[in-house]
Amino acid sequence: MDDLLLTLKTTFGYNAFRPLQREIMETALADRDVFALLPTGGGKSLCFQIPALHRTGLTIVVSPLIALMKDQVDQLRAAGVAATYLNSTLTADESRSRLRGLHRGEWRLLYVAPERLLLDDWKENLAAWNIAAIAVDEAHCVSEWGHDFRPEYRQLARLRALLPQVPLMALTATATERVRADIIKHLQL
């Protein structure tokens, strides 16, 4: 059994990949940028979670929804994966503790909102952490033509200047051809 399938089974409890998941993961693990358009329920999260477990370093997951961050981190932790999130629901002490853990390399996945990721003091953190990959969930939020456009998502292109060698994955379930082109252009995929 190959490593990706073994991780799918032992960590996540699934016996087979859904369409395109394996191809997306293999492309990501080849350190190439990926744009993934998969239907709702198509297993987008596994496309960045499994590669995160096969890399050395931290995978940052940009997510727009606090509840989704918490749910995914809770599920990952229940499966034995070192995952955390930073968002406005945390106390100052909780945030500091998680940041210390990030500086010590304790986490494999960090879920964070784009607003938090792009605060000025984060440049030093991003440079200090061993970032292996960045996944932009709900990537349609990047596009001004998308139904959920968020200006903060548009600023994620700044990550390319800060982390030019780090592969980026953009994932969405909803994107017209115009929105797809806009995402690819603005995230510099």
Protein backbone atom coordinates (compact mmCIF):
# COMPACT_ATOMS: atom_id res chain seq x y z
CA MET A 1 0.00 0.00 0.00
CA ASP A 2 1.36 3.44 -0.88
CA ASP A 3 2.01 6.09 1.76
CA LEU A 4 -0.87 8.40 0.83
CA LEU A 5 -3.43 5.60 0.92
CA LEU A 6 -1.99 4.32 4.20
CA THR A 7 -2.41 7.79 5.76
CA LEU A 8 -5.94 8.04 4.34
CA LYS A 9 -6.84 4.73 6.00
CA THR A 10 -4.96 4.89 9.30
CA THR A 11 -5.41 8.58 10.15
CA PHE A 12 -8.73 9.43 8.51
CA GLY A 13 -10.48 6.05 8.28
CA TYR A 14 -11.27 6.05 4.54
CA ASN A 15 -10.51 3.11 2.24
CA ALA A 16 -10.29 4.94 -1.08
CA PHE A 17 -9.67 8.38 -2.52
CA ARG A 18 -12.45 10.40 -4.10
CA PRO A 19 -12.02 11.62 -7.70
CA LEU A 20 -8.99 13.92 -8.18
CA GLN A 21 -7.83 13.78 -4.53
CA ARG A 22 -4.75 11.65 -5.23
CA GLU A 23 -3.71 13.77 -8.22
CA ILE A 24 -4.09 16.97 -6.20
CA MET A 25 -2.04 15.54 -3.31
CA GLU A 26 0.72 14.23 -5.58
CA THR A 27 0.99 17.58 -7.35
CA ALA A 28 1.15 19.38 -4.00
CA LEU A 29 3.82 17.01 -2.71
CA ALA A 30 5.86 17.73 -5.85
CA ASP A 31 6.01 21.33 -4.50
CA ARG A 32 3.83 22.69 -7.28
CA ASP A 33 0.96 25.16 -6.93
CA VAL A 34 -2.51 23.64 -7.22
CA PHE A 35 -5.94 25.01 -8.03
CA ALA A 36 -8.57 22.50 -6.88
CA LEU A 37 -12.22 22.84 -7.84
CA LEU A 38 -14.08 20.01 -6.12
CA PRO A 39 -17.77 19.77 -5.27
CA THR A 40 -19.04 20.30 -1.75
CA GLY A 41 -18.39 17.05 0.06
CA GLY A 42 -15.67 16.15 -2.44
CA GLY A 43 -12.94 15.91 0.18
CA LYS A 44 -11.10 19.20 -0.34
CA SER A 45 -9.70 19.29 3.20
CA LEU A 46 -7.93 15.95 2.82
CA CYS A 47 -6.14 17.38 -0.23
CA PHE A 48 -4.02 19.58 2.05
CA GLN A 49 -4.26 17.63 5.31
CA ILE A 50 -2.67 14.43 4.02
CA PRO A 51 0.24 16.20 2.27
CA ALA A 52 0.83 18.14 5.52
CA LEU A 53 1.49 14.81 7.24
CA HIS A 54 3.98 13.82 4.51
CA ARG A 55 6.04 17.02 4.71
CA THR A 56 8.49 18.39 7.20
CA GLY A 57 7.28 21.74 8.43
CA LEU A 58 4.08 23.67 8.91
CA THR A 59 1.12 23.85 6.53
CA ILE A 60 -0.86 27.06 6.93
CA VAL A 61 -4.56 26.78 6.11
CA VAL A 62 -6.28 30.08 5.36
CA SER A 63 -9.94 29.73 6.29
CA PRO A 64 -12.69 32.36 6.43
CA LEU A 65 -14.89 30.74 9.06
CA ILE A 66 -14.05 30.43 12.76
CA ALA A 67 -16.50 27.55 13.28
CA LEU A 68 -14.99 25.61 10.37
CA MET A 69 -11.47 26.12 11.78
CA LYS A 70 -12.48 24.77 15.17
CA ASP A 71 -14.35 21.78 13.71
CA GLN A 72 -11.45 20.78 11.46
CA VAL A 73 -8.83 21.21 14.19
CA ASP A 74 -10.97 19.21 16.65
CA GLN A 75 -11.31 16.38 14.09
CA LEU A 76 -7.58 16.42 13.32
CA ARG A 77 -6.64 16.36 16.99
CA ALA A 78 -9.05 13.45 17.58
CA ALA A 79 -7.15 11.61 14.81
CA GLY A 80 -3.82 12.35 16.51
CA VAL A 81 -2.71 15.16 14.18
CA ALA A 82 -0.86 18.16 15.67
CA ALA A 83 -3.16 20.95 14.47
CA THR A 84 -4.18 24.29 15.91
CA TYR A 85 -5.86 27.56 15.00
CA LEU A 86 -5.40 31.21 15.80
CA ASN A 87 -8.47 33.42 15.76
CA SER A 88 -10.43 35.94 17.78
CA THR A 89 -12.08 33.32 20.01
CA LEU A 90 -8.82 32.67 21.87
CA THR A 91 -7.72 34.47 25.00
CA ALA A 92 -4.41 36.33 24.91
CA ASP A 93 -2.81 33.52 26.94
CA GLU A 94 -4.12 30.84 24.56
CA SER A 95 -2.80 32.78 21.57
CA ARG A 96 0.63 33.23 23.16
CA SER A 97 0.81 29.53 24.02
CA ARG A 98 -0.03 28.50 20.47
CA LEU A 99 2.47 30.99 19.05
CA ARG A 100 5.19 29.56 21.31
CA GLY A 101 4.30 26.10 20.00
CA LEU A 102 4.56 27.38 16.43
CA HIS A 103 8.03 28.75 17.13
CA ARG A 104 9.05 25.38 18.58
CA GLY A 105 7.72 23.51 15.52
CA GLU A 106 5.06 21.61 17.49
CA TRP A 107 2.25 21.96 14.95
CA ARG A 108 1.80 20.37 11.50
CA LEU A 109 -1.24 22.46 10.52
CA LEU A 110 -2.21 26.00 11.47
CA TYR A 111 -5.67 27.31 10.59
CA VAL A 112 -5.90 31.08 10.44
CA ALA A 113 -8.11 33.79 8.92
CA PRO A 114 -6.52 36.00 6.25
CA GLU A 115 -6.94 39.09 8.42
CA ARG A 116 -4.82 37.53 11.15
CA LEU A 117 -2.24 36.05 8.81
CA LEU A 118 -1.44 39.39 7.24
CA LEU A 119 -0.98 41.50 10.34
CA ASP A 120 2.29 43.44 10.20
CA ASP A 121 4.01 41.48 12.97
CA TRP A 122 3.35 38.23 11.15
CA LYS A 123 6.14 38.79 8.62
CA GLU A 124 8.70 37.85 11.25
CA ASN A 125 6.67 34.84 12.35
CA LEU A 126 6.24 33.60 8.78
CA ALA A 127 9.97 33.95 8.19
CA ALA A 128 10.78 32.11 11.44
CA TRP A 129 8.44 29.15 11.04
CA ASN A 130 9.37 26.27 8.76
CA ILE A 131 6.43 26.75 6.38
CA ALA A 132 6.12 23.87 3.94
CA ALA A 133 2.85 24.81 2.22
CA ILE A 134 -0.09 27.18 2.24
CA ALA A 135 -3.67 26.10 1.53
CA VAL A 136 -6.29 28.73 0.76
CA ASP A 137 -9.67 27.22 1.57
CA GLU A 138 -12.79 28.83 0.10
CA ALA A 139 -10.50 30.44 -2.49
CA HIS A 140 -13.46 31.98 -4.35
CA CYS A 141 -13.30 34.66 -1.62
CA VAL A 142 -10.20 35.96 -3.49
CA SER A 143 -12.22 36.94 -6.54
CA GLU A 144 -14.11 40.18 -6.80
CA TRP A 145 -16.36 38.25 -9.20
CA GLY A 146 -17.12 35.62 -6.54
CA HIS A 147 -20.28 35.56 -4.43
CA ASP A 148 -18.32 35.75 -1.16
CA PHE A 149 -15.58 38.25 -2.09
CA ARG A 150 -13.49 39.32 0.91
CA PRO A 151 -10.91 42.06 0.38
CA GLU A 152 -8.59 40.43 2.97
CA TYR A 153 -8.33 37.36 0.74
CA ARG A 154 -7.11 39.59 -2.07
CA GLN A 155 -4.10 40.50 0.11
CA LEU A 156 -2.93 36.86 0.26
CA ALA A 157 -0.87 37.55 -2.86
CA ARG A 158 1.57 39.27 -0.46
CA LEU A 159 2.52 35.81 0.79
CA ARG A 160 4.21 35.15 -2.56
CA ALA A 161 6.72 37.92 -1.91
CA LEU A 162 7.31 36.78 1.68
CA LEU A 163 7.48 33.05 0.88
CA PRO A 164 8.34 32.72 -2.81
CA GLN A 165 9.43 29.05 -2.61
CA VAL A 166 6.39 27.81 -0.66
CA PRO A 167 3.80 25.98 -2.80
CA LEU A 168 0.25 27.27 -2.60
CA MET A 169 -3.00 25.33 -2.97
CA ALA A 170 -6.27 27.15 -3.68
CA LEU A 171 -9.46 25.16 -3.05
CA THR A 172 -13.09 25.94 -3.74
CA ALA A 173 -16.38 24.25 -4.57
CA THR A 174 -17.82 27.23 -6.39
CA ALA A 175 -16.04 29.05 -9.19
CA THR A 176 -17.08 30.12 -12.65
CA GLU A 177 -14.40 30.30 -15.33
CA ARG A 178 -14.03 34.03 -14.64
CA VAL A 179 -13.62 33.42 -10.87
CA ARG A 180 -11.08 30.62 -11.50
CA ALA A 181 -9.00 32.90 -13.72
CA ASP A 182 -9.17 35.67 -11.12
CA ILE A 183 -8.02 33.33 -8.32
CA ILE A 184 -5.10 32.01 -10.37
CA LYS A 185 -4.04 35.51 -11.38
CA HIS A 186 -4.25 37.10 -7.93
CA LEU A 187 -2.66 34.25 -6.00
CA GLN A 188 0.03 34.03 -8.71
CA LEU A 189 -0.43 30.29 -9.16
